[in-house]
Amino acid sequence: MYKQITIVGNVGSEPEMRFTPNGNAVTSFSVAVNEKRTKDGETQEETTWFRVTTWNKLAEVCFQYLSKGRQVLVVGSPRLRQWDASDGTTKTSLEINAREVKFLGKAKEQTQDIKEESELEDIPF
């Protein structure tokens, strides 16, 4: 079964690009999704953080054009990752292996649709 998630939020960290041993570009960045809820007549805002990973041409474009604070729409496969931190606590990360990133934002900026051009091949992990 194929899982898909779509989120709209703000980039929370400057994108970081690296390359696999095969030379494939990989760019990662965080996205904050804010949700307002009303409980007992009081409005509360809750933020959920996602770690987004992009590959190949999509990675290059995201690294070049995204910056902290920019609003984006991300479509991809979700994954929940857990690990034990050095302090003995268990950490959890919501991750998205992105297939599409749409740059949203200010009216003076152009909106761009970026889709991965090739399948995710040669992924080392």
N, C-alpha and C. Protein backbone atom coordinates (compact mmCIF):
# COMPACT_ATOMS: atom_id res chain seq x y z
N MET A 1 0.84 -1.17 0.00
CA MET A 1 0.00 0.00 0.00
C MET A 1 0.89 1.24 0.00
N TYR A 2 0.51 2.24 -0.73
CA TYR A 2 1.26 3.47 -0.89
C TYR A 2 0.72 4.52 0.06
N LYS A 3 1.61 5.10 0.89
CA LYS A 3 1.20 6.15 1.82
C LYS A 3 1.62 7.50 1.26
N GLN A 4 0.77 8.50 1.46
CA GLN A 4 1.09 9.85 1.00
C GLN A 4 0.61 10.85 2.03
N ILE A 5 1.40 11.91 2.19
CA ILE A 5 1.03 13.00 3.07
C ILE A 5 1.23 14.31 2.32
N THR A 6 0.36 15.27 2.59
CA THR A 6 0.48 16.61 2.03
C THR A 6 0.42 17.58 3.20
N ILE A 7 1.41 18.48 3.28
CA ILE A 7 1.44 19.48 4.33
C ILE A 7 1.67 20.87 3.73
N VAL A 8 1.19 21.88 4.44
CA VAL A 8 1.50 23.28 4.11
C VAL A 8 2.03 23.90 5.39
N GLY A 9 3.21 24.48 5.29
CA GLY A 9 3.81 25.09 6.46
C GLY A 9 4.95 26.01 6.08
N ASN A 10 5.70 26.43 7.09
CA ASN A 10 6.83 27.34 6.86
C ASN A 10 8.14 26.61 7.09
N VAL A 11 9.10 26.89 6.22
CA VAL A 11 10.43 26.31 6.35
C VAL A 11 11.03 26.82 7.66
N GLY A 12 11.49 25.90 8.51
CA GLY A 12 11.97 26.28 9.83
C GLY A 12 13.48 26.31 9.97
N SER A 13 14.20 25.83 8.95
CA SER A 13 15.65 25.86 8.98
C SER A 13 16.17 26.02 7.56
N GLU A 14 17.35 26.61 7.44
CA GLU A 14 17.94 26.75 6.11
C GLU A 14 18.19 25.36 5.53
N PRO A 15 17.85 25.14 4.27
CA PRO A 15 18.07 23.84 3.65
C PRO A 15 19.56 23.47 3.65
N GLU A 16 19.82 22.18 3.88
CA GLU A 16 21.19 21.66 3.87
C GLU A 16 21.29 20.62 2.76
N MET A 17 22.30 20.79 1.87
CA MET A 17 22.46 19.85 0.76
C MET A 17 23.73 19.04 0.96
N ARG A 18 23.64 17.77 0.59
CA ARG A 18 24.81 16.89 0.59
C ARG A 18 24.66 15.98 -0.62
N PHE A 19 25.65 15.13 -0.83
CA PHE A 19 25.61 14.22 -1.97
C PHE A 19 25.86 12.79 -1.51
N THR A 20 25.16 11.83 -2.13
CA THR A 20 25.38 10.43 -1.84
C THR A 20 26.70 10.01 -2.49
N PRO A 21 27.23 8.85 -2.14
CA PRO A 21 28.45 8.37 -2.80
C PRO A 21 28.29 8.24 -4.32
N ASN A 22 27.06 8.06 -4.78
CA ASN A 22 26.79 7.96 -6.23
C ASN A 22 26.64 9.31 -6.89
N GLY A 23 26.73 10.40 -6.12
CA GLY A 23 26.64 11.74 -6.68
C GLY A 23 25.25 12.32 -6.72
N ASN A 24 24.26 11.66 -6.10
CA ASN A 24 22.89 12.19 -6.08
C ASN A 24 22.77 13.28 -5.02
N ALA A 25 22.15 14.39 -5.39
CA ALA A 25 21.93 15.49 -4.45
C ALA A 25 20.81 15.13 -3.49
N VAL A 26 21.00 15.48 -2.20
CA VAL A 26 19.99 15.27 -1.16
C VAL A 26 19.91 16.56 -0.36
N THR A 27 18.73 17.16 -0.28
CA THR A 27 18.54 18.37 0.52
C THR A 27 17.49 18.11 1.58
N SER A 28 17.82 18.53 2.81
CA SER A 28 16.91 18.36 3.95
C SER A 28 16.62 19.71 4.58
N PHE A 29 15.39 19.84 5.10
CA PHE A 29 14.99 21.05 5.81
C PHE A 29 13.79 20.72 6.67
N SER A 30 13.53 21.55 7.67
CA SER A 30 12.37 21.32 8.53
C SER A 30 11.22 22.23 8.10
N VAL A 31 10.00 21.76 8.37
CA VAL A 31 8.80 22.54 8.06
C VAL A 31 7.89 22.51 9.30
N ALA A 32 7.43 23.69 9.70
CA ALA A 32 6.52 23.83 10.83
C ALA A 32 5.10 24.00 10.30
N VAL A 33 4.19 23.16 10.77
CA VAL A 33 2.78 23.25 10.39
C VAL A 33 2.01 23.69 11.63
N ASN A 34 1.37 24.84 11.54
CA ASN A 34 0.62 25.40 12.66
C ASN A 34 -0.87 25.10 12.50
N GLU A 35 -1.49 24.74 13.61
CA GLU A 35 -2.92 24.45 13.63
C GLU A 35 -3.55 25.18 14.80
N LYS A 36 -4.60 25.93 14.52
CA LYS A 36 -5.31 26.64 15.58
C LYS A 36 -6.52 25.81 15.99
N ARG A 37 -6.71 25.69 17.31
CA ARG A 37 -7.84 24.96 17.86
C ARG A 37 -8.50 25.81 18.94
N THR A 38 -9.80 25.65 19.06
CA THR A 38 -10.52 26.34 20.13
C THR A 38 -10.94 25.32 21.16
N LYS A 39 -10.49 25.53 22.39
CA LYS A 39 -10.81 24.63 23.48
C LYS A 39 -11.31 25.46 24.64
N ASP A 40 -12.52 25.16 25.11
CA ASP A 40 -13.14 25.90 26.22
C ASP A 40 -13.20 27.40 25.92
N GLY A 41 -13.49 27.75 24.65
CA GLY A 41 -13.61 29.14 24.26
C GLY A 41 -12.29 29.87 24.09
N GLU A 42 -11.19 29.16 24.22
CA GLU A 42 -9.87 29.78 24.11
C GLU A 42 -9.14 29.20 22.89
N THR A 43 -8.61 30.08 22.05
CA THR A 43 -7.87 29.65 20.87
C THR A 43 -6.44 29.30 21.24
N GLN A 44 -6.04 28.10 20.82
CA GLN A 44 -4.68 27.63 21.07
C GLN A 44 -4.04 27.27 19.74
N GLU A 45 -2.74 27.52 19.65
CA GLU A 45 -2.01 27.17 18.44
C GLU A 45 -1.04 26.04 18.76
N GLU A 46 -1.07 25.01 17.91
CA GLU A 46 -0.19 23.87 18.08
C GLU A 46 0.69 23.75 16.84
N THR A 47 1.99 23.55 17.04
CA THR A 47 2.93 23.42 15.93
C THR A 47 3.45 21.99 15.86
N THR A 48 3.40 21.42 14.66
CA THR A 48 3.97 20.10 14.41
C THR A 48 5.14 20.29 13.44
N TRP A 49 6.29 19.70 13.78
CA TRP A 49 7.50 19.83 12.95
C TRP A 49 7.70 18.58 12.12
N PHE A 50 8.06 18.76 10.86
CA PHE A 50 8.37 17.68 9.94
C PHE A 50 9.78 17.89 9.39
N ARG A 51 10.50 16.81 9.20
CA ARG A 51 11.80 16.85 8.54
C ARG A 51 11.56 16.40 7.11
N VAL A 52 11.91 17.24 6.14
CA VAL A 52 11.64 16.96 4.72
C VAL A 52 12.96 16.65 4.02
N THR A 53 12.96 15.58 3.22
CA THR A 53 14.12 15.22 2.43
C THR A 53 13.73 15.21 0.96
N THR A 54 14.54 15.86 0.13
CA THR A 54 14.31 15.91 -1.31
C THR A 54 15.54 15.32 -2.01
N TRP A 55 15.35 14.83 -3.22
CA TRP A 55 16.41 14.14 -3.96
C TRP A 55 16.62 14.72 -5.35
N ASN A 56 17.84 14.59 -5.86
CA ASN A 56 18.23 14.88 -7.24
C ASN A 56 17.91 16.32 -7.64
N LYS A 57 17.23 16.52 -8.77
CA LYS A 57 16.94 17.87 -9.26
C LYS A 57 16.08 18.65 -8.27
N LEU A 58 15.10 17.98 -7.67
CA LEU A 58 14.25 18.63 -6.67
C LEU A 58 15.10 19.12 -5.51
N ALA A 59 16.09 18.33 -5.10
CA ALA A 59 16.99 18.74 -4.01
C ALA A 59 17.78 19.98 -4.39
N GLU A 60 18.27 20.03 -5.60
CA GLU A 60 19.07 21.18 -6.06
C GLU A 60 18.23 22.46 -6.08
N VAL A 61 17.00 22.35 -6.58
CA VAL A 61 16.12 23.52 -6.66
C VAL A 61 15.73 24.00 -5.27
N CYS A 62 15.39 23.07 -4.38
CA CYS A 62 15.02 23.45 -3.01
C CYS A 62 16.19 24.13 -2.30
N PHE A 63 17.39 23.59 -2.48
CA PHE A 63 18.56 24.19 -1.84
C PHE A 63 18.81 25.60 -2.36
N GLN A 64 18.61 25.80 -3.65
CA GLN A 64 18.89 27.10 -4.27
C GLN A 64 17.83 28.15 -3.92
N TYR A 65 16.56 27.77 -3.85
CA TYR A 65 15.50 28.77 -3.75
C TYR A 65 14.77 28.85 -2.41
N LEU A 66 14.84 27.82 -1.58
CA LEU A 66 14.14 27.87 -0.30
C LEU A 66 14.99 28.56 0.76
N SER A 67 14.32 29.21 1.68
CA SER A 67 15.00 29.80 2.83
C SER A 67 14.06 29.75 4.03
N LYS A 68 14.64 29.91 5.19
CA LYS A 68 13.89 29.87 6.44
C LYS A 68 12.74 30.88 6.39
N GLY A 69 11.55 30.43 6.78
CA GLY A 69 10.37 31.29 6.81
C GLY A 69 9.48 31.17 5.59
N ARG A 70 9.98 30.67 4.48
CA ARG A 70 9.21 30.55 3.25
C ARG A 70 8.10 29.52 3.41
N GLN A 71 6.92 29.83 2.92
CA GLN A 71 5.80 28.89 3.00
C GLN A 71 5.89 27.91 1.84
N VAL A 72 5.67 26.62 2.14
CA VAL A 72 5.74 25.58 1.13
C VAL A 72 4.61 24.57 1.30
N LEU A 73 4.28 23.92 0.20
CA LEU A 73 3.40 22.76 0.21
C LEU A 73 4.29 21.58 -0.16
N VAL A 74 4.23 20.52 0.63
CA VAL A 74 5.07 19.34 0.41
C VAL A 74 4.18 18.12 0.27
N VAL A 75 4.46 17.30 -0.76
CA VAL A 75 3.75 16.04 -0.97
C VAL A 75 4.80 14.93 -0.99
N GLY A 76 4.58 13.87 -0.21
CA GLY A 76 5.53 12.78 -0.22
C GLY A 76 5.10 11.64 0.67
N SER A 77 6.05 10.75 0.93
CA SER A 77 5.80 9.57 1.76
C SER A 77 6.20 9.87 3.20
N PRO A 78 5.29 9.60 4.16
CA PRO A 78 5.60 9.87 5.57
C PRO A 78 6.35 8.72 6.22
N ARG A 79 7.13 9.08 7.24
CA ARG A 79 7.82 8.06 8.05
C ARG A 79 8.02 8.60 9.45
N LEU A 80 7.78 7.76 10.43
CA LEU A 80 8.01 8.11 11.83
C LEU A 80 9.29 7.41 12.24
N ARG A 81 10.28 8.18 12.68
CA ARG A 81 11.57 7.61 13.06
C ARG A 81 11.81 7.85 14.54
N GLN A 82 12.27 6.83 15.25
CA GLN A 82 12.58 6.95 16.67
C GLN A 82 14.01 6.49 16.91
N TRP A 83 14.68 7.13 17.86
CA TRP A 83 16.03 6.75 18.22
C TRP A 83 16.29 7.12 19.67
N ASP A 84 17.30 6.50 20.25
CA ASP A 84 17.69 6.79 21.62
C ASP A 84 18.76 7.87 21.62
N ALA A 85 18.49 8.96 22.31
CA ALA A 85 19.45 10.06 22.40
C ALA A 85 20.54 9.73 23.42
N SER A 86 21.61 10.50 23.40
CA SER A 86 22.73 10.25 24.30
C SER A 86 22.35 10.43 25.77
N ASP A 87 21.27 11.21 26.02
CA ASP A 87 20.84 11.40 27.41
C ASP A 87 19.90 10.31 27.90
N GLY A 88 19.69 9.27 27.07
CA GLY A 88 18.87 8.14 27.47
C GLY A 88 17.40 8.26 27.12
N THR A 89 16.98 9.41 26.59
CA THR A 89 15.58 9.60 26.20
C THR A 89 15.35 9.09 24.78
N THR A 90 14.10 8.76 24.48
CA THR A 90 13.73 8.35 23.14
C THR A 90 13.22 9.58 22.39
N LYS A 91 13.80 9.84 21.23
CA LYS A 91 13.41 10.96 20.38
C LYS A 91 12.59 10.46 19.21
N THR A 92 11.68 11.29 18.72
CA THR A 92 10.82 10.95 17.60
C THR A 92 10.88 12.05 16.55
N SER A 93 10.90 11.67 15.29
CA SER A 93 10.94 12.63 14.20
C SER A 93 9.90 12.23 13.15
N LEU A 94 9.11 13.19 12.71
CA LEU A 94 8.17 12.99 11.60
C LEU A 94 8.91 13.39 10.33
N GLU A 95 9.08 12.45 9.42
CA GLU A 95 9.86 12.72 8.21
C GLU A 95 9.01 12.52 6.97
N ILE A 96 9.33 13.30 5.94
CA ILE A 96 8.65 13.18 4.65
C ILE A 96 9.70 13.05 3.57
N ASN A 97 9.62 11.98 2.79
CA ASN A 97 10.45 11.81 1.61
C ASN A 97 9.67 12.47 0.47
N ALA A 98 10.03 13.71 0.13
CA ALA A 98 9.19 14.54 -0.76
C ALA A 98 9.32 14.14 -2.22
N ARG A 99 8.18 14.13 -2.90
CA ARG A 99 8.12 13.94 -4.34
C ARG A 99 7.78 15.25 -5.05
N GLU A 100 7.15 16.16 -4.29
CA GLU A 100 6.74 17.44 -4.87
C GLU A 100 6.85 18.51 -3.80
N VAL A 101 7.37 19.67 -4.20
CA VAL A 101 7.43 20.83 -3.32
C VAL A 101 6.92 22.02 -4.13
N LYS A 102 5.93 22.71 -3.56
CA LYS A 102 5.38 23.90 -4.21
C LYS A 102 5.75 25.09 -3.34
N PHE A 103 6.43 26.04 -3.94
CA PHE A 103 6.84 27.24 -3.22
C PHE A 103 5.66 28.19 -3.16
N LEU A 104 5.26 28.57 -1.96
CA LEU A 104 4.16 29.51 -1.75
C LEU A 104 4.76 30.78 -1.17
N GLY A 105 3.98 31.79 -0.98
CA GLY A 105 4.54 32.94 -0.29
C GLY A 105 3.99 34.26 -0.79
N LYS A 106 4.84 35.24 -0.69
CA LYS A 106 4.46 36.62 -0.98
C LYS A 106 4.04 36.79 -2.43
N ALA A 107 3.16 37.77 -2.68
CA ALA A 107 2.64 38.00 -4.02
C ALA A 107 3.73 38.38 -5.01
N LYS A 108 4.77 39.06 -4.55
CA LYS A 108 5.83 39.48 -5.46
C LYS A 108 6.71 38.31 -5.91
N GLU A 109 6.63 37.18 -5.20
CA GLU A 109 7.41 36.02 -5.56
C GLU A 109 6.59 35.12 -6.47
N GLN A 110 7.25 34.49 -7.41
CA GLN A 110 6.55 33.56 -8.28
C GLN A 110 6.31 32.25 -7.53
N THR A 111 5.17 31.64 -7.80
CA THR A 111 4.90 30.32 -7.25
C THR A 111 5.48 29.30 -8.22
N GLN A 112 6.20 28.34 -7.69
CA GLN A 112 6.83 27.32 -8.54
C GLN A 112 6.37 25.95 -8.09
N ASP A 113 6.12 25.08 -9.06
CA ASP A 113 5.84 23.68 -8.79
C ASP A 113 7.06 22.89 -9.19
N ILE A 114 7.57 22.10 -8.30
CA ILE A 114 8.74 21.28 -8.58
C ILE A 114 8.36 19.83 -8.30
N LYS A 115 8.59 18.96 -9.25
CA LYS A 115 8.33 17.54 -9.04
C LYS A 115 9.62 16.77 -9.34
N GLU A 116 9.78 15.68 -8.65
CA GLU A 116 10.93 14.83 -8.89
C GLU A 116 10.82 14.27 -10.30
N GLU A 117 11.89 14.40 -11.08
CA GLU A 117 11.85 13.99 -12.48
C GLU A 117 12.07 12.49 -12.66
N SER A 118 12.79 11.87 -11.75
CA SER A 118 13.05 10.45 -11.88
C SER A 118 12.62 9.72 -10.62
N GLU A 119 12.51 8.42 -10.74
CA GLU A 119 12.19 7.62 -9.57
C GLU A 119 13.35 7.70 -8.60
N LEU A 120 13.09 7.38 -7.35
CA LEU A 120 14.13 7.43 -6.33
C LEU A 120 15.01 6.19 -6.45
N GLU A 121 15.99 6.27 -7.37
CA GLU A 121 16.87 5.15 -7.56
C GLU A 121 18.23 5.44 -6.95
N ASP A 122 18.95 4.41 -6.65
CA ASP A 122 20.28 4.54 -6.06
C ASP A 122 20.26 5.21 -4.70
N ILE A 123 19.17 5.06 -3.96
CA ILE A 123 19.10 5.62 -2.62
C ILE A 123 19.91 4.70 -1.71
N PRO A 124 20.89 5.26 -1.01
CA PRO A 124 21.78 4.41 -0.23
C PRO A 124 21.18 3.84 1.05
N PHE A 125 20.00 4.30 1.49
CA PHE A 125 19.41 3.79 2.72
C PHE A 125 17.95 3.70 2.61
